[in-house]
PDB file of all heavy atoms in Angstrom:
ATOM      1  N   TYR A   1      19.400  -8.684   2.774  1.00  0.00           N
ATOM      2  CA  TYR A   1      19.811  -9.666   1.780  1.00  0.00           C
ATOM      3  C   TYR A   1      19.244  -9.380   0.404  1.00  0.00           C
ATOM      4  O   TYR A   1      18.144  -8.835   0.236  1.00  0.00           O
ATOM      5  CB  TYR A   1      19.303 -11.068   2.180  1.00  0.00           C
ATOM      6  CG  TYR A   1      19.733 -11.470   3.571  1.00  0.00           C
ATOM      7  CD1 TYR A   1      18.861 -11.476   4.626  1.00  0.00           C
ATOM      8  CD2 TYR A   1      21.038 -11.920   3.814  1.00  0.00           C
ATOM      9  CE1 TYR A   1      19.212 -11.816   5.912  1.00  0.00           C
ATOM     10  CE2 TYR A   1      21.442 -12.268   5.071  1.00  0.00           C
ATOM     11  CZ  TYR A   1      20.539 -12.255   6.115  1.00  0.00           C
ATOM     12  OH  TYR A   1      20.926 -12.648   7.379  1.00  0.00           O
ATOM     13  N   ALA A   2      20.018  -9.779  -0.619  1.00  0.00           N
ATOM     14  CA  ALA A   2      19.452  -9.938  -1.954  1.00  0.00           C
ATOM     15  C   ALA A   2      18.459 -11.101  -1.866  1.00  0.00           C
ATOM     16  O   ALA A   2      18.548 -11.972  -0.984  1.00  0.00           O
ATOM     17  CB  ALA A   2      20.547 -10.236  -2.961  1.00  0.00           C
ATOM     18  N   VAL A   3      17.505 -11.134  -2.779  1.00  0.00           N
ATOM     19  CA  VAL A   3      16.543 -12.204  -2.863  1.00  0.00           C
ATOM     20  C   VAL A   3      16.407 -12.649  -4.297  1.00  0.00           C
ATOM     21  O   VAL A   3      16.275 -11.816  -5.203  1.00  0.00           O
ATOM     22  CB  VAL A   3      15.177 -11.789  -2.298  1.00  0.00           C
ATOM     23  CG1 VAL A   3      14.149 -12.913  -2.469  1.00  0.00           C
ATOM     24  CG2 VAL A   3      15.289 -11.414  -0.840  1.00  0.00           C
ATOM     25  N   GLY A   4      16.415 -13.933  -4.483  1.00  0.00           N
ATOM     26  CA  GLY A   4      16.221 -14.487  -5.818  1.00  0.00           C
ATOM     27  C   GLY A   4      15.007 -15.406  -5.892  1.00  0.00           C
ATOM     28  O   GLY A   4      14.576 -15.987  -4.892  1.00  0.00           O
ATOM     29  N   TRP A   5      14.443 -15.458  -7.086  1.00  0.00           N
ATOM     30  CA  TRP A   5      13.376 -16.405  -7.380  1.00  0.00           C
ATOM     31  C   TRP A   5      13.934 -17.465  -8.310  1.00  0.00           C
ATOM     32  O   TRP A   5      14.657 -17.179  -9.292  1.00  0.00           O
ATOM     33  CB  TRP A   5      12.199 -15.709  -8.084  1.00  0.00           C
ATOM     34  CG  TRP A   5      11.284 -14.979  -7.147  1.00  0.00           C
ATOM     35  CD1 TRP A   5      11.340 -13.651  -6.864  1.00  0.00           C
ATOM     36  CD2 TRP A   5      10.191 -15.509  -6.407  1.00  0.00           C
ATOM     37  NE1 TRP A   5      10.315 -13.324  -5.991  1.00  0.00           N
ATOM     38  CE2 TRP A   5       9.624 -14.473  -5.686  1.00  0.00           C
ATOM     39  CE3 TRP A   5       9.656 -16.799  -6.254  1.00  0.00           C
ATOM     40  CZ2 TRP A   5       8.525 -14.633  -4.824  1.00  0.00           C
ATOM     41  CZ3 TRP A   5       8.562 -16.958  -5.422  1.00  0.00           C
ATOM     42  CH2 TRP A   5       8.011 -15.924  -4.738  1.00  0.00           C
ATOM     43  N   PHE A   6      13.632 -18.715  -8.009  1.00  0.00           N
ATOM     44  CA  PHE A   6      14.066 -19.881  -8.756  1.00  0.00           C
ATOM     45  C   PHE A   6      12.887 -20.746  -9.134  1.00  0.00           C
ATOM     46  O   PHE A   6      11.845 -20.683  -8.460  1.00  0.00           O
ATOM     47  CB  PHE A   6      15.082 -20.688  -7.951  1.00  0.00           C
ATOM     48  CG  PHE A   6      16.308 -19.884  -7.540  1.00  0.00           C
ATOM     49  CD1 PHE A   6      16.272 -19.049  -6.466  1.00  0.00           C
ATOM     50  CD2 PHE A   6      17.497 -20.056  -8.263  1.00  0.00           C
ATOM     51  CE1 PHE A   6      17.415 -18.337  -6.080  1.00  0.00           C
ATOM     52  CE2 PHE A   6      18.607 -19.351  -7.891  1.00  0.00           C
ATOM     53  CZ  PHE A   6      18.579 -18.505  -6.804  1.00  0.00           C
ATOM     54  N   ARG A   7      13.043 -21.568 -10.105  1.00  0.00           N
ATOM     55  CA  ARG A   7      11.968 -22.476 -10.482  1.00  0.00           C
ATOM     56  C   ARG A   7      12.482 -23.840 -10.868  1.00  0.00           C
ATOM     57  O   ARG A   7      13.647 -23.996 -11.318  1.00  0.00           O
ATOM     58  CB  ARG A   7      11.117 -21.903 -11.603  1.00  0.00           C
ATOM     59  CG  ARG A   7      11.813 -21.739 -12.900  1.00  0.00           C
ATOM     60  CD  ARG A   7      10.956 -21.011 -13.914  1.00  0.00           C
ATOM     61  NE  ARG A   7      11.597 -20.810 -15.194  1.00  0.00           N
ATOM     62  CZ  ARG A   7      11.123 -20.016 -16.160  1.00  0.00           C
ATOM     63  NH1 ARG A   7       9.973 -19.365 -15.996  1.00  0.00           N
ATOM     64  NH2 ARG A   7      11.817 -19.911 -17.278  1.00  0.00           N
ATOM     65  N   ARG A   8      11.660 -24.848 -10.728  1.00  0.00           N
ATOM     66  CA  ARG A   8      12.011 -26.179 -11.148  1.00  0.00           C
ATOM     67  C   ARG A   8      10.721 -26.970 -11.472  1.00  0.00           C
ATOM     68  O   ARG A   8       9.640 -26.624 -10.990  1.00  0.00           O
ATOM     69  CB  ARG A   8      12.781 -26.946 -10.074  1.00  0.00           C
ATOM     70  CG  ARG A   8      12.002 -27.176  -8.810  1.00  0.00           C
ATOM     71  CD  ARG A   8      12.790 -28.053  -7.833  1.00  0.00           C
ATOM     72  NE  ARG A   8      12.115 -28.141  -6.546  1.00  0.00           N
ATOM     73  CZ  ARG A   8      11.176 -29.047  -6.249  1.00  0.00           C
ATOM     74  NH1 ARG A   8      10.796 -29.932  -7.157  1.00  0.00           N
ATOM     75  NH2 ARG A   8      10.597 -29.049  -5.049  1.00  0.00           N
ATOM     76  N   ASP A   9      10.840 -27.932 -12.319  1.00  0.00           N
ATOM     77  CA  ASP A   9       9.758 -28.886 -12.607  1.00  0.00           C
ATOM     78  C   ASP A   9      10.405 -30.245 -12.670  1.00  0.00           C
ATOM     79  O   ASP A   9      11.616 -30.404 -12.649  1.00  0.00           O
ATOM     80  CB  ASP A   9       8.974 -28.470 -13.854  1.00  0.00           C
ATOM     81  CG  ASP A   9       9.817 -28.426 -15.117  1.00  0.00           C
ATOM     82  OD1 ASP A   9      10.967 -28.890 -15.087  1.00  0.00           O
ATOM     83  OD2 ASP A   9       9.315 -27.905 -16.117  1.00  0.00           O
ATOM     84  N   PRO A  10       9.555 -31.319 -12.762  1.00  0.00           N
ATOM     85  CA  PRO A  10      10.099 -32.676 -12.787  1.00  0.00           C
ATOM     86  C   PRO A  10      11.140 -32.846 -13.921  1.00  0.00           C
ATOM     87  O   PRO A  10      10.881 -32.482 -15.062  1.00  0.00           O
ATOM     88  CB  PRO A  10       8.892 -33.547 -13.001  1.00  0.00           C
ATOM     89  CG  PRO A  10       7.775 -32.783 -12.393  1.00  0.00           C
ATOM     90  CD  PRO A  10       8.034 -31.352 -12.696  1.00  0.00           C
ATOM     91  N   GLY A  11      12.276 -33.382 -13.564  1.00  0.00           N
ATOM     92  CA  GLY A  11      13.313 -33.605 -14.514  1.00  0.00           C
ATOM     93  C   GLY A  11      14.204 -32.388 -14.795  1.00  0.00           C
ATOM     94  O   GLY A  11      15.054 -32.465 -15.710  1.00  0.00           O
ATOM     95  N   ARG A  12      13.972 -31.324 -14.065  1.00  0.00           N
ATOM     96  CA  ARG A  12      14.761 -30.114 -14.265  1.00  0.00           C
ATOM     97  C   ARG A  12      15.522 -29.743 -13.016  1.00  0.00           C
ATOM     98  O   ARG A  12      15.061 -29.971 -11.913  1.00  0.00           O
ATOM     99  CB  ARG A  12      13.846 -28.939 -14.677  1.00  0.00           C
ATOM    100  CG  ARG A  12      13.088 -29.128 -15.962  1.00  0.00           C
ATOM    101  CD  ARG A  12      13.986 -28.918 -17.162  1.00  0.00           C
ATOM    102  NE  ARG A  12      13.231 -28.842 -18.378  1.00  0.00           N
ATOM    103  CZ  ARG A  12      12.839 -29.893 -19.124  1.00  0.00           C
ATOM    104  NH1 ARG A  12      13.169 -31.108 -18.703  1.00  0.00           N
ATOM    105  NH2 ARG A  12      12.156 -29.741 -20.200  1.00  0.00           N
ATOM    106  N   GLU A  13      16.670 -29.129 -13.232  1.00  0.00           N
ATOM    107  CA  GLU A  13      17.398 -28.513 -12.121  1.00  0.00           C
ATOM    108  C   GLU A  13      16.734 -27.175 -11.835  1.00  0.00           C
ATOM    109  O   GLU A  13      16.040 -26.588 -12.654  1.00  0.00           O
ATOM    110  CB  GLU A  13      18.878 -28.318 -12.458  1.00  0.00           C
ATOM    111  CG  GLU A  13      19.616 -29.574 -12.793  1.00  0.00           C
ATOM    112  CD  GLU A  13      19.881 -30.405 -11.538  1.00  0.00           C
ATOM    113  OE1 GLU A  13      20.060 -29.777 -10.460  1.00  0.00           O
ATOM    114  OE2 GLU A  13      19.923 -31.628 -11.620  1.00  0.00           O
ATOM    115  N   TYR A  14      16.957 -26.682 -10.647  1.00  0.00           N
ATOM    116  CA  TYR A  14      16.535 -25.342 -10.330  1.00  0.00           C
ATOM    117  C   TYR A  14      17.256 -24.358 -11.258  1.00  0.00           C
ATOM    118  O   TYR A  14      18.462 -24.485 -11.497  1.00  0.00           O
ATOM    119  CB  TYR A  14      16.860 -24.963  -8.896  1.00  0.00           C
ATOM    120  CG  TYR A  14      15.696 -25.127  -7.942  1.00  0.00           C
ATOM    121  CD1 TYR A  14      15.685 -26.156  -7.002  1.00  0.00           C
ATOM    122  CD2 TYR A  14      14.693 -24.229  -7.964  1.00  0.00           C
ATOM    123  CE1 TYR A  14      14.634 -26.294  -6.140  1.00  0.00           C
ATOM    124  CE2 TYR A  14      13.581 -24.366  -7.075  1.00  0.00           C
ATOM    125  CZ  TYR A  14      13.561 -25.373  -6.167  1.00  0.00           C
ATOM    126  OH  TYR A  14      12.502 -25.521  -5.291  1.00  0.00           O
ATOM    127  N   GLU A  15      16.524 -23.398 -11.763  1.00  0.00           N
ATOM    128  CA  GLU A  15      17.132 -22.328 -12.544  1.00  0.00           C
ATOM    129  C   GLU A  15      16.725 -21.000 -11.934  1.00  0.00           C
ATOM    130  O   GLU A  15      15.634 -20.810 -11.425  1.00  0.00           O
ATOM    131  CB  GLU A  15      16.704 -22.387 -14.006  1.00  0.00           C
ATOM    132  CG  GLU A  15      15.256 -22.121 -14.262  1.00  0.00           C
ATOM    133  CD  GLU A  15      14.943 -21.956 -15.745  1.00  0.00           C
ATOM    134  OE1 GLU A  15      15.894 -21.892 -16.580  1.00  0.00           O
ATOM    135  OE2 GLU A  15      13.749 -21.905 -16.093  1.00  0.00           O
ATOM    136  N   GLY A  16      17.667 -20.055 -11.987  1.00  0.00           N
ATOM    137  CA  GLY A  16      17.378 -18.737 -11.475  1.00  0.00           C
ATOM    138  C   GLY A  16      16.451 -17.993 -12.431  1.00  0.00           C
ATOM    139  O   GLY A  16      16.700 -18.039 -13.649  1.00  0.00           O
ATOM    140  N   VAL A  17      15.465 -17.339 -11.900  1.00  0.00           N
ATOM    141  CA  VAL A  17      14.517 -16.573 -12.690  1.00  0.00           C
ATOM    142  C   VAL A  17      14.768 -15.092 -12.600  1.00  0.00           C
ATOM    143  O   VAL A  17      14.764 -14.355 -13.571  1.00  0.00           O
ATOM    144  CB  VAL A  17      13.076 -16.921 -12.273  1.00  0.00           C
ATOM    145  CG1 VAL A  17      12.083 -16.076 -13.067  1.00  0.00           C
ATOM    146  CG2 VAL A  17      12.829 -18.386 -12.457  1.00  0.00           C
ATOM    147  N   ALA A  18      14.943 -14.617 -11.386  1.00  0.00           N
ATOM    148  CA  ALA A  18      15.171 -13.216 -11.118  1.00  0.00           C
ATOM    149  C   ALA A  18      15.847 -13.011  -9.788  1.00  0.00           C
ATOM    150  O   ALA A  18      15.754 -13.872  -8.912  1.00  0.00           O
ATOM    151  CB  ALA A  18      13.818 -12.494 -11.144  1.00  0.00           C
ATOM    152  N   CYS A  19      16.484 -11.895  -9.632  1.00  0.00           N
ATOM    153  CA  CYS A  19      17.110 -11.558  -8.387  1.00  0.00           C
ATOM    154  C   CYS A  19      17.106 -10.046  -8.195  1.00  0.00           C
ATOM    155  O   CYS A  19      17.181  -9.300  -9.166  1.00  0.00           O
ATOM    156  CB  CYS A  19      18.544 -12.096  -8.329  1.00  0.00           C
ATOM    157  SG  CYS A  19      19.365 -11.868  -6.716  1.00  0.00           S
ATOM    158  N   ILE A  20      17.051  -9.611  -6.965  1.00  0.00           N
ATOM    159  CA  ILE A  20      17.104  -8.188  -6.623  1.00  0.00           C
ATOM    160  C   ILE A  20      18.033  -8.009  -5.467  1.00  0.00           C
ATOM    161  O   ILE A  20      18.051  -8.766  -4.497  1.00  0.00           O
ATOM    162  CB  ILE A  20      15.676  -7.662  -6.332  1.00  0.00           C
ATOM    163  CG1 ILE A  20      15.682  -6.118  -6.156  1.00  0.00           C
ATOM    164  CG2 ILE A  20      15.065  -8.348  -5.115  1.00  0.00           C
ATOM    165  CD1 ILE A  20      14.288  -5.521  -6.179  1.00  0.00           C
ATOM    166  N   SER A  21      18.866  -6.962  -5.561  1.00  0.00           N
ATOM    167  CA  SER A  21      19.783  -6.647  -4.478  1.00  0.00           C
ATOM    168  C   SER A  21      19.067  -6.144  -3.293  1.00  0.00           C
ATOM    169  O   SER A  21      17.861  -5.795  -3.336  1.00  0.00           O
ATOM    170  CB  SER A  21      20.832  -5.651  -4.987  1.00  0.00           C
ATOM    171  OG  SER A  21      20.190  -4.423  -5.322  1.00  0.00           O
ATOM    172  N   SER A  22      19.789  -6.111  -2.164  1.00  0.00           N
ATOM    173  CA  SER A  22      19.144  -5.731  -0.910  1.00  0.00           C
ATOM    174  C   SER A  22      18.549  -4.359  -0.924  1.00  0.00           C
ATOM    175  O   SER A  22      17.496  -4.099  -0.301  1.00  0.00           O
ATOM    176  CB  SER A  22      20.140  -5.840   0.248  1.00  0.00           C
ATOM    177  OG  SER A  22      21.248  -4.987   0.042  1.00  0.00           O
ATOM    178  N   ASP A  23      19.191  -3.423  -1.618  1.00  0.00           N
ATOM    179  CA  ASP A  23      18.677  -2.044  -1.704  1.00  0.00           C
ATOM    180  C   ASP A  23      17.811  -1.797  -2.892  1.00  0.00           C
ATOM    181  O   ASP A  23      17.341  -0.683  -3.120  1.00  0.00           O
ATOM    182  CB  ASP A  23      19.822  -1.024  -1.657  1.00  0.00           C
ATOM    183  CG  ASP A  23      20.766  -1.146  -2.835  1.00  0.00           C
ATOM    184  OD1 ASP A  23      20.564  -1.970  -3.728  1.00  0.00           O
ATOM    185  OD2 ASP A  23      21.751  -0.386  -2.869  1.00  0.00           O
ATOM    186  N   GLY A  24      17.575  -2.842  -3.683  1.00  0.00           N
ATOM    187  CA  GLY A  24      16.721  -2.683  -4.866  1.00  0.00           C
ATOM    188  C   GLY A  24      17.349  -2.047  -6.082  1.00  0.00           C
ATOM    189  O   GLY A  24      16.677  -1.806  -7.087  1.00  0.00           O
ATOM    190  N   SER A  25      18.636  -1.681  -5.950  1.00  0.00           N
ATOM    191  CA  SER A  25      19.276  -0.938  -7.075  1.00  0.00           C
ATOM    192  C   SER A  25      19.625  -1.788  -8.268  1.00  0.00           C
ATOM    193  O   SER A  25      19.831  -1.250  -9.366  1.00  0.00           O
ATOM    194  CB  SER A  25      20.530  -0.243  -6.542  1.00  0.00           C
ATOM    195  OG  SER A  25      21.496  -1.152  -6.114  1.00  0.00           O
ATOM    196  N   SER A  26      19.765  -3.100  -8.059  1.00  0.00           N
ATOM    197  CA  SER A  26      20.153  -3.987  -9.164  1.00  0.00           C
ATOM    198  C   SER A  26      19.153  -5.144  -9.254  1.00  0.00           C
ATOM    199  O   SER A  26      18.768  -5.734  -8.245  1.00  0.00           O
ATOM    200  CB  SER A  26      21.555  -4.533  -8.906  1.00  0.00           C
ATOM    201  OG  SER A  26      22.520  -3.518  -8.866  1.00  0.00           O
ATOM    202  N   THR A  27      18.778  -5.440 -10.466  1.00  0.00           N
ATOM    203  CA  THR A  27      17.913  -6.576 -10.742  1.00  0.00           C
ATOM    204  C   THR A  27      18.513  -7.404 -11.855  1.00  0.00           C
ATOM    205  O   THR A  27      19.183  -6.865 -12.755  1.00  0.00           O
ATOM    206  CB  THR A  27      16.477  -6.171 -11.054  1.00  0.00           C
ATOM    207  OG1 THR A  27      16.491  -5.313 -12.205  1.00  0.00           O
ATOM    208  CG2 THR A  27      15.807  -5.456  -9.879  1.00  0.00           C
ATOM    209  N   TYR A  28      18.200  -8.667 -11.891  1.00  0.00           N
ATOM    210  CA  TYR A  28      18.667  -9.593 -12.877  1.00  0.00           C
ATOM    211  C   TYR A  28      17.557 -10.552 -13.246  1.00  0.00           C
ATOM    212  O   TYR A  28      16.756 -10.903 -12.368  1.00  0.00           O
ATOM    213  CB  TYR A  28      19.892 -10.390 -12.361  1.00  0.00           C
ATOM    214  CG  TYR A  28      21.017  -9.518 -11.907  1.00  0.00           C
ATOM    215  CD1 TYR A  28      21.120  -9.077 -10.596  1.00  0.00           C
ATOM    216  CD2 TYR A  28      22.003  -9.123 -12.809  1.00  0.00           C
ATOM    217  CE1 TYR A  28      22.124  -8.253 -10.166  1.00  0.00           C
ATOM    218  CE2 TYR A  28      23.050  -8.310 -12.397  1.00  0.00           C
ATOM    219  CZ  TYR A  28      23.089  -7.886 -11.066  1.00  0.00           C
ATOM    220  OH  TYR A  28      24.124  -7.055 -10.672  1.00  0.00           O
ATOM    221  N   TYR A  29      17.521 -10.951 -14.501  1.00  0.00           N
ATOM    222  CA  TYR A  29      16.468 -11.828 -15.018  1.00  0.00           C
ATOM    223  C   TYR A  29      17.050 -12.891 -15.920  1.00  0.00           C
ATOM    224  O   TYR A  29      17.986 -12.643 -16.701  1.00  0.00           O
ATOM    225  CB  TYR A  29      15.420 -11.007 -15.786  1.00  0.00           C
ATOM    226  CG  TYR A  29      14.700 -10.008 -14.929  1.00  0.00           C
ATOM    227  CD1 TYR A  29      15.123  -8.695 -14.891  1.00  0.00           C
ATOM    228  CD2 TYR A  29      13.594 -10.342 -14.173  1.00  0.00           C
ATOM    229  CE1 TYR A  29      14.468  -7.755 -14.119  1.00  0.00           C
ATOM    230  CE2 TYR A  29      12.936  -9.433 -13.401  1.00  0.00           C
ATOM    231  CZ  TYR A  29      13.380  -8.130 -13.372  1.00  0.00           C
ATOM    232  OH  TYR A  29      12.705  -7.227 -12.586  1.00  0.00           O
ATOM    233  N   GLU A  30      16.496 -14.075 -15.815  1.00  0.00           N
ATOM    234  CA  GLU A  30      16.774 -15.084 -16.787  1.00  0.00           C
ATOM    235  C   GLU A  30      16.265 -14.628 -18.165  1.00  0.00           C
ATOM    236  O   GLU A  30      15.314 -13.850 -18.218  1.00  0.00           O
ATOM    237  CB  GLU A  30      16.104 -16.414 -16.347  1.00  0.00           C
ATOM    238  CG  GLU A  30      16.424 -17.628 -17.176  1.00  0.00           C
ATOM    239  CD  GLU A  30      15.438 -17.842 -18.293  1.00  0.00           C
ATOM    240  OE1 GLU A  30      14.295 -17.380 -18.181  1.00  0.00           O
ATOM    241  OE2 GLU A  30      15.831 -18.459 -19.302  1.00  0.00           O
ATOM    242  N   ASP A  31      16.893 -15.043 -19.207  1.00  0.00           N
ATOM    243  CA  ASP A  31      16.646 -14.513 -20.530  1.00  0.00           C
ATOM    244  C   ASP A  31      15.166 -14.570 -20.933  1.00  0.00           C
ATOM    245  O   ASP A  31      14.610 -13.626 -21.501  1.00  0.00           O
ATOM    246  CB  ASP A  31      17.494 -15.194 -21.602  1.00  0.00           C
ATOM    247  CG  ASP A  31      18.933 -14.796 -21.528  1.00  0.00           C
ATOM    248  OD1 ASP A  31      19.271 -13.728 -20.910  1.00  0.00           O
ATOM    249  OD2 ASP A  31      19.799 -15.488 -22.124  1.00  0.00           O
ATOM    250  N   THR A  32      14.535 -15.722 -20.684  1.00  0.00           N
ATOM    251  CA  THR A  32      13.137 -15.853 -21.095  1.00  0.00           C
ATOM    252  C   THR A  32      12.200 -15.069 -20.188  1.00  0.00           C
ATOM    253  O   THR A  32      11.030 -14.841 -20.587  1.00  0.00           O
ATOM    254  CB  THR A  32      12.708 -17.340 -21.129  1.00  0.00           C
ATOM    255  OG1 THR A  32      12.776 -17.895 -19.795  1.00  0.00           O
ATOM    256  CG2 THR A  32      13.625 -18.132 -22.043  1.00  0.00           C
ATOM    257  N   ALA A  33      12.648 -14.676 -19.034  1.00  0.00           N
ATOM    258  CA  ALA A  33      11.808 -13.895 -18.114  1.00  0.00           C
ATOM    259  C   ALA A  33      11.915 -12.404 -18.374  1.00  0.00           C
ATOM    260  O   ALA A  33      10.967 -11.665 -18.072  1.00  0.00           O
ATOM    261  CB  ALA A  33      12.170 -14.214 -16.667  1.00  0.00           C
ATOM    262  N   LYS A  34      13.026 -11.973 -18.924  1.00  0.00           N
ATOM    263  CA  LYS A  34      13.230 -10.542 -19.137  1.00  0.00           C
ATOM    264  C   LYS A  34      12.148  -9.978 -20.048  1.00  0.00           C
ATOM    265  O   LYS A  34      11.865 -10.522 -21.098  1.00  0.00           O
ATOM    266  CB  LYS A  34      14.603 -10.330 -19.709  1.00  0.00           C
ATOM    267  CG  LYS A  34      14.992  -8.862 -19.819  1.00  0.00           C
ATOM    268  CD  LYS A  34      16.436  -8.688 -20.275  1.00  0.00           C
ATOM    269  CE  LYS A  34      17.404  -9.248 -19.235  1.00  0.00           C
ATOM    270  NZ  LYS A  34      18.827  -9.023 -19.634  1.00  0.00           N
ATOM    271  N   GLY A  35      11.574  -8.881 -19.608  1.00  0.00           N
ATOM    272  CA  GLY A  35      10.498  -8.258 -20.386  1.00  0.00           C
ATOM    273  C   GLY A  35       9.142  -8.758 -19.996  1.00  0.00           C
ATOM    274  O   GLY A  35       8.165  -8.071 -20.334  1.00  0.00           O
ATOM    275  N   ARG A  36       9.024  -9.867 -19.330  1.00  0.00           N
ATOM    276  CA  ARG A  36       7.746 -10.397 -18.903  1.00  0.00           C
ATOM    277  C   ARG A  36       7.606 -10.405 -17.381  1.00  0.00           C
ATOM    278  O   ARG A  36       6.503 -10.220 -16.876  1.00  0.00           O
ATOM    279  CB  ARG A  36       7.584 -11.845 -19.399  1.00  0.00           C
ATOM    280  CG  ARG A  36       7.560 -11.963 -20.902  1.00  0.00           C
ATOM    281  CD  ARG A  36       7.178 -13.397 -21.344  1.00  0.00           C
ATOM    282  NE  ARG A  36       8.147 -14.402 -20.833  1.00  0.00           N
ATOM    283  CZ  ARG A  36       7.775 -15.463 -20.099  1.00  0.00           C
ATOM    284  NH1 ARG A  36       6.493 -15.660 -19.845  1.00  0.00           N
ATOM    285  NH2 ARG A  36       8.700 -16.314 -19.688  1.00  0.00           N
ATOM    286  N   PHE A  37       8.689 -10.635 -16.687  1.00  0.00           N
ATOM    287  CA  PHE A  37       8.685 -10.701 -15.223  1.00  0.00           C
ATOM    288  C   PHE A  37       9.360  -9.467 -14.617  1.00  0.00           C
ATOM    289  O   PHE A  37      10.303  -8.908 -15.229  1.00  0.00           O
ATOM    290  CB  PHE A  37       9.432 -11.965 -14.712  1.00  0.00           C
ATOM    291  CG  PHE A  37       8.837 -13.259 -15.082  1.00  0.00           C
ATOM    292  CD1 PHE A  37       7.720 -13.368 -15.903  1.00  0.00           C
ATOM    293  CD2 PHE A  37       9.436 -14.429 -14.637  1.00  0.00           C
ATOM    294  CE1 PHE A  37       7.166 -14.592 -16.238  1.00  0.00           C
ATOM    295  CE2 PHE A  37       8.899 -15.701 -14.961  1.00  0.00           C
ATOM    296  CZ  PHE A  37       7.753 -15.752 -15.733  1.00  0.00           C
ATOM    297  N   THR A  38       8.870  -9.094 -13.476  1.00  0.00           N
ATOM    298  CA  THR A  38       9.435  -7.972 -12.719  1.00  0.00           C
ATOM    299  C   THR A  38       9.570  -8.363 -11.283  1.00  0.00           C
ATOM    300  O   THR A  38       8.609  -8.829 -10.668  1.00  0.00           O
ATOM    301  CB  THR A  38       8.618  -6.718 -12.852  1.00  0.00           C
ATOM    302  OG1 THR A  38       8.425  -6.360 -14.197  1.00  0.00           O
ATOM    303  CG2 THR A  38       9.318  -5.529 -12.145  1.00  0.00           C
ATOM    304  N   ILE A  39      10.772  -8.209 -10.699  1.00  0.00           N
ATOM    305  CA  ILE A  39      10.987  -8.485  -9.303  1.00  0.00           C
ATOM    306  C   ILE A  39      10.985  -7.140  -8.539  1.00  0.00           C
ATOM    307  O   ILE A  39      11.588  -6.166  -8.991  1.00  0.00           O
ATOM    308  CB  ILE A  39      12.261  -9.281  -9.066  1.00  0.00           C
ATOM    309  CG1 ILE A  39      12.384  -9.703  -7.614  1.00  0.00           C
ATOM    310  CG2 ILE A  39      13.501  -8.514  -9.519  1.00  0.00           C
ATOM    311  CD1 ILE A  39      13.510 -10.749  -7.364  1.00  0.00           C
ATOM    312  N   ILE A  40      10.281  -7.118  -7.458  1.00  0.00           N
ATOM    313  CA  ILE A  40      10.051  -5.910  -6.669  1.00  0.00           C
ATOM    314  C   ILE A  40      10.182  -6.263  -5.183  1.00  0.00           C
ATOM    315  O   ILE A  40       9.775  -7.346  -4.758  1.00  0.00           O
ATOM    316  CB  ILE A  40       8.645  -5.359  -6.915  1.00  0.00           C
ATOM    317  CG1 ILE A  40       8.342  -5.228  -8.405  1.00  0.00           C
ATOM    318  CG2 ILE A  40       8.444  -4.005  -6.231  1.00  0.00           C
ATOM    319  CD1 ILE A  40       6.861  -5.191  -8.729  1.00  0.00           C
ATOM    320  N   ARG A  41      10.745  -5.336  -4.441  1.00  0.00           N
ATOM    321  CA  ARG A  41      10.778  -5.612  -3.002  1.00  0.00           C
ATOM    322  C   ARG A  41      10.146  -4.467  -2.240  1.00  0.00           C
ATOM    323  O   ARG A  41      10.213  -3.302  -2.630  1.00  0.00           O
ATOM    324  CB  ARG A  41      12.211  -5.879  -2.507  1.00  0.00           C
ATOM    325  CG  ARG A  41      13.160  -4.705  -2.504  1.00  0.00           C
ATOM    326  CD  ARG A  41      14.615  -5.230  -2.161  1.00  0.00           C
ATOM    327  NE  ARG A  41      14.575  -5.918  -0.886  1.00  0.00           N
ATOM    328  CZ  ARG A  41      15.444  -6.950  -0.613  1.00  0.00           C
ATOM    329  NH1 ARG A  41      16.334  -7.316  -1.484  1.00  0.00           N
ATOM    330  NH2 ARG A  41      15.375  -7.521   0.567  1.00  0.00           N
ATOM    331  N   ASP A  42       9.477  -4.821  -1.137  1.00  0.00           N
ATOM    332  CA  ASP A  42       8.850  -3.880  -0.274  1.00  0.00           C
ATOM    333  C   ASP A  42       9.430  -4.216   1.131  1.00  0.00           C
ATOM    334  O   ASP A  42       8.877  -5.053   1.841  1.00  0.00           O
ATOM    335  CB  ASP A  42       7.341  -4.008  -0.279  1.00  0.00           C
ATOM    336  CG  ASP A  42       6.620  -2.934   0.523  1.00  0.00           C
ATOM    337  OD1 ASP A  42       7.281  -2.319   1.376  1.00  0.00           O
ATOM    338  OD2 ASP A  42       5.443  -2.735   0.284  1.00  0.00           O
ATOM    339  N   ASN A  43      10.473  -3.518   1.492  1.00  0.00           N
ATOM    340  CA  ASN A  43      11.133  -3.845   2.771  1.00  0.00           C
ATOM    341  C   ASN A  43      10.217  -3.565   3.957  1.00  0.00           C
ATOM    342  O   ASN A  43      10.369  -4.199   5.002  1.00  0.00           O
ATOM    343  CB  ASN A  43      12.444  -3.074   2.893  1.00  0.00           C
ATOM    344  CG  ASN A  43      13.496  -3.602   1.964  1.00  0.00           C
ATOM    345  OD1 ASN A  43      13.443  -4.721   1.489  1.00  0.00           O
ATOM    346  ND2 ASN A  43      14.526  -2.777   1.710  1.00  0.00           N
ATOM    347  N   ALA A  44       9.317  -2.592   3.835  1.00  0.00           N
ATOM    348  CA  ALA A  44       8.418  -2.312   4.935  1.00  0.00           C
ATOM    349  C   ALA A  44       7.547  -3.521   5.244  1.00  0.00           C
ATOM    350  O   ALA A  44       7.092  -3.707   6.371  1.00  0.00           O
ATOM    351  CB  ALA A  44       7.593  -1.083   4.628  1.00  0.00           C
ATOM    352  N   LYS A  45       7.224  -4.308   4.203  1.00  0.00           N
ATOM    353  CA  LYS A  45       6.423  -5.493   4.392  1.00  0.00           C
ATOM    354  C   LYS A  45       7.245  -6.764   4.509  1.00  0.00           C
ATOM    355  O   LYS A  45       6.689  -7.855   4.622  1.00  0.00           O
ATOM    356  CB  LYS A  45       5.434  -5.647   3.236  1.00  0.00           C
ATOM    357  CG  LYS A  45       4.413  -4.526   3.131  1.00  0.00           C
ATOM    358  CD  LYS A  45       3.499  -4.767   1.951  1.00  0.00           C
ATOM    359  CE  LYS A  45       2.422  -3.666   1.917  1.00  0.00           C
ATOM    360  NZ  LYS A  45       1.504  -3.836   0.754  1.00  0.00           N
TER     361      LYS A  45
END
């Protein structure tokens, strides 16, 4: 599976922060996260 990270706080809807495809070849970031956050997968773990 692809895996996404989402976040929410009181009074907010969930928003997508980052996502990575199952093979790790594609990643996506919310605009404010880009350049600061990195999504990584370790399938062995």
